[in-house]
Amino acid sequence: MTSLPIMDSGTANIVGFAGMVLIVAAYAYVTAVKQPNPVMLHGTNLVGAALLALSLLVNTNLPSLVLEGVWASVAIWGLVKAIRTQRRNRTEDP
């Protein structure tokens, strides 16, 4: 598998590190806060996974790219659930 010429390797590493920081920050957030905001948690995970996936399109590592795809899918699922819950709670409150 060849890498895509989206950006140079050094820039891809910076983008990947930014994604990694976001994912670790989301994990630290859910660990540190008593009642984490699920939109913030899953949104941060989604952006982190997207940045890491973008990096992995340049510095190809197929297993890690698949992992980021799964990670992003779970984050999207969590976001959808959180947004639905927020909407439901708003309509139930008088």
C-alpha atoms as a PDB file:
ATOM      1  CA  MET A   1       0.000   0.000   0.000  1.00  0.00           C
ATOM      2  CA  THR A   2       1.451   3.365  -0.987  1.00  0.00           C
ATOM      3  CA  SER A   3       0.957   6.552   0.952  1.00  0.00           C
ATOM      4  CA  LEU A   4      -1.138   9.411  -0.369  1.00  0.00           C
ATOM      5  CA  PRO A   5       0.539  12.745  -1.199  1.00  0.00           C
ATOM      6  CA  ILE A   6      -1.829  14.720   1.059  1.00  0.00           C
ATOM      7  CA  MET A   7       1.018  16.275   3.029  1.00  0.00           C
ATOM      8  CA  ASP A   8       4.650  15.556   3.754  1.00  0.00           C
ATOM      9  CA  SER A   9       5.623  12.979   6.350  1.00  0.00           C
ATOM     10  CA  GLY A  10       6.726  15.518   8.962  1.00  0.00           C
ATOM     11  CA  THR A  11       3.436  17.417   8.786  1.00  0.00           C
ATOM     12  CA  ALA A  12       1.560  14.120   8.951  1.00  0.00           C
ATOM     13  CA  ASN A  13       3.426  13.277  12.160  1.00  0.00           C
ATOM     14  CA  ILE A  14       2.422  16.617  13.705  1.00  0.00           C
ATOM     15  CA  VAL A  15      -1.222  16.025  12.704  1.00  0.00           C
ATOM     16  CA  GLY A  16      -1.027  12.497  14.136  1.00  0.00           C
ATOM     17  CA  PHE A  17       0.424  13.735  17.422  1.00  0.00           C
ATOM     18  CA  ALA A  18      -2.372  16.320  17.668  1.00  0.00           C
ATOM     19  CA  GLY A  19      -4.908  13.518  17.194  1.00  0.00           C
ATOM     20  CA  MET A  20      -3.191  11.400  19.811  1.00  0.00           C
ATOM     21  CA  VAL A  21      -3.237  14.297  22.292  1.00  0.00           C
ATOM     22  CA  LEU A  22      -6.983  14.746  21.735  1.00  0.00           C
ATOM     23  CA  ILE A  23      -7.736  11.058  22.291  1.00  0.00           C
ATOM     24  CA  VAL A  24      -5.623  10.922  25.448  1.00  0.00           C
ATOM     25  CA  ALA A  25      -7.207  14.191  26.653  1.00  0.00           C
ATOM     26  CA  ALA A  26     -10.681  12.689  26.144  1.00  0.00           C
ATOM     27  CA  TYR A  27      -9.669   9.653  28.178  1.00  0.00           C
ATOM     28  CA  ALA A  28      -8.224  11.849  30.931  1.00  0.00           C
ATOM     29  CA  TYR A  29     -11.400  13.959  30.885  1.00  0.00           C
ATOM     30  CA  VAL A  30     -13.725  10.981  31.316  1.00  0.00           C
ATOM     31  CA  THR A  31     -11.492   9.720  34.124  1.00  0.00           C
ATOM     32  CA  ALA A  32     -11.207  13.055  35.946  1.00  0.00           C
ATOM     33  CA  VAL A  33     -14.756  14.390  35.717  1.00  0.00           C
ATOM     34  CA  LYS A  34     -17.602  12.972  37.765  1.00  0.00           C
ATOM     35  CA  GLN A  35     -20.216  13.446  35.024  1.00  0.00           C
ATOM     36  CA  PRO A  36     -18.495  13.980  31.670  1.00  0.00           C
ATOM     37  CA  ASN A  37     -20.326  15.716  28.850  1.00  0.00           C
ATOM     38  CA  PRO A  38     -20.790  12.936  26.270  1.00  0.00           C
ATOM     39  CA  VAL A  39     -20.841  15.354  23.323  1.00  0.00           C
ATOM     40  CA  MET A  40     -17.473  16.779  24.376  1.00  0.00           C
ATOM     41  CA  LEU A  41     -16.061  13.305  25.025  1.00  0.00           C
ATOM     42  CA  HIS A  42     -17.166  11.709  21.754  1.00  0.00           C
ATOM     43  CA  GLY A  43     -16.531  14.860  19.725  1.00  0.00           C
ATOM     44  CA  THR A  44     -12.950  15.030  20.982  1.00  0.00           C
ATOM     45  CA  ASN A  45     -12.457  11.339  20.235  1.00  0.00           C
ATOM     46  CA  LEU A  46     -13.873  11.777  16.728  1.00  0.00           C
ATOM     47  CA  VAL A  47     -11.597  14.709  15.878  1.00  0.00           C
ATOM     48  CA  GLY A  48      -8.612  12.866  17.352  1.00  0.00           C
ATOM     49  CA  ALA A  49      -9.366   9.732  15.337  1.00  0.00           C
ATOM     50  CA  ALA A  50      -9.820  11.789  12.167  1.00  0.00           C
ATOM     51  CA  LEU A  51      -6.463  13.521  12.641  1.00  0.00           C
ATOM     52  CA  LEU A  52      -4.716  10.231  13.321  1.00  0.00           C
ATOM     53  CA  ALA A  53      -6.374   8.646  10.276  1.00  0.00           C
ATOM     54  CA  LEU A  54      -5.248  11.563   8.112  1.00  0.00           C
ATOM     55  CA  SER A  55      -1.707  11.086   9.401  1.00  0.00           C
ATOM     56  CA  LEU A  56      -1.912   7.354   8.702  1.00  0.00           C
ATOM     57  CA  LEU A  57      -2.916   7.985   5.088  1.00  0.00           C
ATOM     58  CA  VAL A  58       0.540   9.505   4.633  1.00  0.00           C
ATOM     59  CA  ASN A  59       2.575   7.320   6.988  1.00  0.00           C
ATOM     60  CA  THR A  60       0.704   4.141   6.168  1.00  0.00           C
ATOM     61  CA  ASN A  61       0.060   1.580   8.892  1.00  0.00           C
ATOM     62  CA  LEU A  62      -3.036  -0.356   7.870  1.00  0.00           C
ATOM     63  CA  PRO A  63      -3.897  -1.911  11.271  1.00  0.00           C
ATOM     64  CA  SER A  64      -3.714   1.499  12.945  1.00  0.00           C
ATOM     65  CA  LEU A  65      -5.773   3.075  10.166  1.00  0.00           C
ATOM     66  CA  VAL A  66      -8.486   0.439  10.661  1.00  0.00           C
ATOM     67  CA  LEU A  67      -8.357   1.047  14.426  1.00  0.00           C
ATOM     68  CA  GLU A  68      -8.925   4.773  13.880  1.00  0.00           C
ATOM     69  CA  GLY A  69     -11.860   3.984  11.594  1.00  0.00           C
ATOM     70  CA  VAL A  70     -13.416   1.850  14.320  1.00  0.00           C
ATOM     71  CA  TRP A  71     -12.606   4.502  16.936  1.00  0.00           C
ATOM     72  CA  ALA A  72     -14.298   7.179  14.817  1.00  0.00           C
ATOM     73  CA  SER A  73     -17.333   4.931  14.264  1.00  0.00           C
ATOM     74  CA  VAL A  74     -17.766   4.406  17.999  1.00  0.00           C
ATOM     75  CA  ALA A  75     -17.374   8.158  18.561  1.00  0.00           C
ATOM     76  CA  ILE A  76     -20.053   8.906  15.947  1.00  0.00           C
ATOM     77  CA  TRP A  77     -22.364   6.354  17.569  1.00  0.00           C
ATOM     78  CA  GLY A  78     -21.763   7.979  20.961  1.00  0.00           C
ATOM     79  CA  LEU A  79     -22.394  11.459  19.540  1.00  0.00           C
ATOM     80  CA  VAL A  80     -25.677  10.373  17.954  1.00  0.00           C
ATOM     81  CA  LYS A  81     -26.824   8.797  21.232  1.00  0.00           C
ATOM     82  CA  ALA A  82     -25.796  11.866  23.253  1.00  0.00           C
ATOM     83  CA  ILE A  83     -27.523  14.311  20.904  1.00  0.00           C
ATOM     84  CA  ARG A  84     -30.698  12.199  20.864  1.00  0.00           C
ATOM     85  CA  THR A  85     -30.689  12.082  24.659  1.00  0.00           C
ATOM     86  CA  GLN A  86     -30.214  15.857  24.881  1.00  0.00           C
ATOM     87  CA  ARG A  87     -33.104  16.448  22.458  1.00  0.00           C
ATOM     88  CA  ARG A  88     -35.340  14.002  24.315  1.00  0.00           C
ATOM     89  CA  ASN A  89     -34.527  15.662  27.646  1.00  0.00           C
ATOM     90  CA  ARG A  90     -35.315  19.107  26.215  1.00  0.00           C
ATOM     91  CA  THR A  91     -38.725  18.028  24.926  1.00  0.00           C
ATOM     92  CA  GLU A  92     -39.604  16.274  28.216  1.00  0.00           C
ATOM     93  CA  ASP A  93     -38.710  19.279  30.385  1.00  0.00           C
ATOM     94  CA  PRO A  94     -41.626  21.725  30.755  1.00  0.00           C
END
